[in-house]
Amino acid sequence: MGMKKDNIFEKLESQQWLYGSANDYPEVLAALRRAADVCHQINFMPPYEVDKRRVLLKELLGEISDTATVNPPFRCDFGFNIYIGQGSVINFNLTVLDEASVTIEDNVMIGPNCQLITITHALDEEQRVDGVMQARPIRICKGAWLAAGVTVLPGVTIGEGAVIGAGSVVTKSIPAGVLAVGNPCHVLRSIDDGDIVDGVTEM
C-alpha cells in the first residue's frame, strides 16, 4: 500500500481550482521525489527482477493486484493515487500524472507510450504562472483496451470493454462496448459479435 495522504493531497482530489505550486508545499515535493526515486529503481532493475519490482510497485502505488503486470519504464507523480485491478496488463512507458485518483479496473490492457493525465492548468497566463490548477480523476473500466500512444485527459472515464484506437487523445468520457478513435477521441461504432475473430489457433 502507498503512503498515507495528507490534507493537501485531499484538496487536490476535491476537483476545485487551486492556487499553489509544488515548491509551496514540502509534503508535495517529498511525494514527487519519493515517486521519482522509486520509479527510477523500478526502471533500472534487470528485467529478471520481477519479484523485487513488484515489491516496489506495492510500496509506490495505492493498490496493485497480484495478477496485474506493469512493464517498465513507468513514471508517475505520486503513485499513491493509482489503483490497478486483477489481470490488468500495462505495457512499456506508461506515464501517470496522478494528482487525482487513477483507477485501472480488472483485465484492462494499456499499450505502450500511453499517458493518463489528471492535472490541468489555467488557460489565463497570469493565473497559470501563479500555479492555478485543477485535478480530476480518471477511471479505466473493466476489460477496456487503450492501444499504443493513447492520452487520457482529466475527468475521463473509459467504459467497460471499450477500445481506444492508437494515438487517440481522449478529452471526454467514452461509453462501454464501443470502438473510439481520434483527436479528439470520438465513438466510431459499437463492438459486436461481428468483431469476434474466427480460426484462432494456439501459439
Protein backbone atom coordinates (compact mmCIF):
# COMPACT_ATOMS: atom_id res chain seq x y z
CA MET A 1 0.00 0.00 0.00
CA GLY A 2 1.23 3.50 -0.85
CA MET A 3 1.96 6.29 1.61
CA LYS A 4 -0.78 7.97 3.65
CA LYS A 5 -2.31 11.12 2.15
CA ASP A 6 -2.19 14.49 3.92
CA ASN A 7 -4.67 17.36 3.63
CA ILE A 8 -3.02 18.97 0.61
CA PHE A 9 -3.47 15.77 -1.39
CA GLU A 10 -7.11 15.52 -0.36
CA LYS A 11 -7.58 19.12 -1.54
CA LEU A 12 -6.05 18.22 -4.90
CA GLU A 13 -8.62 15.43 -5.22
CA SER A 14 -11.52 17.79 -4.41
CA GLN A 15 -11.70 18.94 -8.08
CA GLN A 16 -11.50 22.60 -7.00
CA TRP A 17 -9.35 25.13 -8.84
CA LEU A 18 -6.42 25.73 -6.51
CA TYR A 19 -3.51 28.16 -6.18
CA GLY A 20 -0.04 26.90 -5.48
CA SER A 21 2.96 25.10 -6.89
CA ALA A 22 4.84 22.09 -5.58
CA ASN A 23 7.54 24.46 -4.27
CA ASP A 24 4.99 25.92 -1.83
CA TYR A 25 4.29 22.57 -0.18
CA PRO A 26 7.17 20.50 1.25
CA GLU A 27 4.93 17.42 1.52
CA VAL A 28 4.14 17.62 -2.21
CA LEU A 29 7.82 17.97 -3.10
CA ALA A 30 8.60 15.00 -0.86
CA ALA A 31 5.92 12.88 -2.53
CA LEU A 32 7.15 13.80 -6.02
CA ARG A 33 10.75 12.98 -5.10
CA ARG A 34 9.77 9.71 -3.44
CA ALA A 35 7.83 8.59 -6.54
CA ALA A 36 10.67 9.66 -8.84
CA ASP A 37 13.19 7.69 -6.76
CA VAL A 38 11.06 4.51 -6.66
CA CYS A 39 10.27 4.75 -10.38
CA HIS A 40 13.98 5.10 -11.07
CA GLN A 41 14.68 1.92 -9.10
CA ILE A 42 11.90 0.05 -10.91
CA ASN A 43 13.01 1.22 -14.34
CA PHE A 44 16.69 0.38 -13.91
CA MET A 45 16.31 -3.08 -12.42
CA PRO A 46 17.35 -6.02 -14.58
CA PRO A 47 14.31 -7.50 -16.38
CA TYR A 48 14.51 -10.74 -14.39
CA GLU A 49 13.98 -8.94 -11.04
CA VAL A 50 10.21 -9.45 -11.26
CA ASP A 51 9.60 -10.07 -7.55
CA LYS A 52 11.68 -7.09 -6.38
CA ARG A 53 9.94 -4.84 -8.89
CA ARG A 54 6.53 -5.97 -7.61
CA VAL A 55 7.54 -5.18 -4.01
CA LEU A 56 8.48 -1.65 -5.06
CA LEU A 57 5.25 -1.22 -7.01
CA LYS A 58 3.25 -2.27 -3.94
CA GLU A 59 5.12 0.32 -1.88
CA LEU A 60 4.63 3.02 -4.52
CA LEU A 61 1.02 2.56 -5.62
CA GLY A 62 -2.24 2.94 -3.74
CA GLU A 63 -3.08 -0.63 -4.73
CA ILE A 64 -1.95 -3.20 -7.29
CA SER A 65 -3.32 -6.73 -7.54
CA ASP A 66 -1.04 -9.75 -7.50
CA THR A 67 -2.10 -10.65 -11.06
CA ALA A 68 -1.51 -7.24 -12.64
CA THR A 69 1.57 -6.58 -14.82
CA VAL A 70 3.37 -3.25 -15.13
CA ASN A 71 6.20 -3.29 -17.65
CA PRO A 72 8.94 -0.68 -17.15
CA PRO A 73 9.70 2.03 -17.86
CA PHE A 74 6.89 3.50 -15.76
CA ARG A 75 6.56 7.04 -14.37
CA CYS A 76 4.06 8.71 -12.07
CA ASP A 77 3.81 11.85 -9.95
CA PHE A 78 2.73 10.45 -6.56
CA GLY A 79 1.85 6.78 -7.02
CA PHE A 80 -0.47 6.52 -4.03
CA ASN A 81 -3.43 7.70 -6.14
CA ILE A 82 -3.08 4.77 -8.59
CA TYR A 83 -5.17 1.60 -8.24
CA ILE A 84 -4.65 -1.36 -10.59
CA GLY A 85 -7.03 -4.32 -10.64
CA GLN A 86 -6.78 -8.04 -11.28
CA GLY A 87 -5.28 -9.24 -14.55
CA SER A 88 -4.55 -5.80 -15.98
CA VAL A 89 -1.52 -5.51 -18.27
CA ILE A 90 0.36 -2.25 -18.70
CA ASN A 91 2.91 -2.12 -21.48
CA PHE A 92 6.13 -0.11 -21.72
CA ASN A 93 6.37 3.59 -20.92
CA LEU A 94 3.12 4.47 -19.16
CA THR A 95 3.12 7.97 -17.66
CA VAL A 96 0.55 8.77 -14.95
CA LEU A 97 0.12 12.26 -13.51
CA ASP A 98 -1.92 11.18 -10.52
CA GLU A 99 -2.74 14.38 -8.66
CA ALA A 100 -6.25 12.87 -8.53
CA SER A 101 -7.11 9.18 -8.40
CA VAL A 102 -6.42 6.91 -11.37
CA THR A 103 -8.37 3.65 -11.22
CA ILE A 104 -7.49 0.88 -13.66
CA GLU A 105 -10.06 -1.85 -13.14
CA ASP A 106 -9.74 -5.60 -13.79
CA ASN A 107 -8.46 -7.01 -17.10
CA VAL A 108 -7.57 -3.66 -18.63
CA MET A 109 -4.95 -3.55 -21.39
CA ILE A 110 -2.81 -0.43 -21.79
CA GLY A 111 -0.49 -0.31 -24.79
CA PRO A 112 2.98 1.25 -24.96
CA ASN A 113 3.58 5.00 -24.65
CA CYS A 114 0.22 5.89 -23.08
CA GLN A 115 -0.43 8.83 -20.76
CA LEU A 116 -3.07 9.24 -18.04
CA ILE A 117 -3.19 12.91 -17.04
CA THR A 118 -5.38 14.06 -14.11
CA ILE A 119 -3.97 17.60 -13.78
CA THR A 120 -4.74 20.69 -15.84
CA HIS A 121 -3.74 24.34 -15.56
CA ALA A 122 -5.47 27.69 -16.07
CA LEU A 123 -5.60 29.00 -19.63
CA ASP A 124 -5.02 32.57 -18.46
CA GLU A 125 -1.27 33.17 -18.47
CA GLU A 126 -1.10 35.14 -15.22
CA GLN A 127 -3.13 32.53 -13.32
CA ARG A 128 -1.12 29.71 -14.87
CA VAL A 129 2.17 31.31 -13.79
CA ASP A 130 0.69 31.70 -10.29
CA GLY A 131 0.09 27.95 -10.26
CA VAL A 132 -3.70 27.79 -10.69
CA MET A 133 -4.57 24.15 -11.37
CA GLN A 134 -7.28 21.54 -11.09
CA ALA A 135 -7.10 17.75 -10.76
CA ARG A 136 -9.91 15.38 -11.81
CA PRO A 137 -9.95 11.57 -11.54
CA ILE A 138 -9.58 9.06 -14.35
CA ARG A 139 -11.21 5.63 -14.44
CA ILE A 140 -10.45 2.88 -16.97
CA CYS A 141 -13.26 0.35 -16.56
CA LYS A 142 -13.10 -3.42 -16.63
CA GLY A 143 -11.89 -5.02 -19.85
CA ALA A 144 -11.10 -1.77 -21.69
CA TRP A 145 -8.12 -1.55 -24.04
CA LEU A 146 -6.06 1.56 -24.70
CA ALA A 147 -3.96 0.93 -27.79
CA ALA A 148 -0.48 2.39 -28.26
CA GLY A 149 0.08 6.10 -27.69
CA VAL A 150 -3.30 6.98 -26.16
CA THR A 151 -3.57 10.08 -23.97
CA VAL A 152 -6.43 10.28 -21.45
CA LEU A 153 -7.17 13.74 -20.05
CA PRO A 154 -8.58 14.83 -16.66
CA GLY A 155 -12.01 13.66 -15.57
CA VAL A 156 -12.39 10.95 -18.23
CA THR A 157 -13.96 7.53 -17.71
CA ILE A 158 -13.38 4.82 -20.31
CA GLY A 159 -16.38 2.48 -20.25
CA GLU A 160 -16.28 -1.28 -19.72
CA GLY A 161 -14.90 -3.19 -22.70
CA ALA A 162 -14.29 -0.05 -24.78
CA VAL A 163 -11.35 0.05 -27.20
CA ILE A 164 -9.46 3.32 -27.78
CA GLY A 165 -7.55 3.42 -31.07
CA ALA A 166 -3.81 4.09 -31.23
CA GLY A 167 -2.76 7.71 -30.87
CA SER A 168 -6.14 8.94 -29.65
CA VAL A 169 -6.50 11.89 -27.28
CA VAL A 170 -9.48 11.24 -25.01
CA THR A 171 -10.97 14.53 -23.83
CA LYS A 172 -14.43 13.25 -22.80
CA SER A 173 -15.75 10.04 -21.25
CA ILE A 174 -16.32 7.09 -23.58
CA PRO A 175 -19.25 4.68 -23.11
CA ALA A 176 -18.95 0.93 -22.65
CA GLY A 177 -18.57 -1.50 -25.53
CA VAL A 178 -17.50 0.86 -28.30
CA LEU A 179 -14.52 1.49 -30.57
CA ALA A 180 -13.42 5.11 -30.26
CA VAL A 181 -10.62 6.86 -32.16
CA GLY A 182 -9.09 10.21 -33.00
CA ASN A 183 -8.06 13.58 -31.61
CA PRO A 184 -10.35 14.49 -30.02
CA CYS A 185 -11.42 10.89 -29.48
CA HIS A 186 -14.94 10.08 -30.68
CA VAL A 187 -17.06 6.93 -30.87
CA LEU A 188 -16.66 5.20 -34.22
CA ARG A 189 -19.06 2.30 -33.65
CA SER A 190 -20.21 -0.36 -31.22
CA ILE A 191 -18.21 -3.55 -30.75
CA ASP A 192 -20.46 -6.55 -31.52
CA ASP A 193 -20.42 -10.22 -32.48
CA GLY A 194 -19.06 -9.28 -35.91
CA ASP A 195 -15.77 -8.45 -34.21
CA ILE A 196 -15.22 -11.99 -32.94
CA VAL A 197 -12.13 -13.42 -34.63
CA ASP A 198 -12.60 -16.86 -36.27
CA GLY A 199 -10.00 -19.59 -36.70
CA VAL A 200 -7.88 -18.78 -33.66
CA THR A 201 -5.15 -21.37 -33.01
CA GLU A 202 -2.80 -21.90 -30.09
CA MET A 203 0.69 -20.40 -30.16
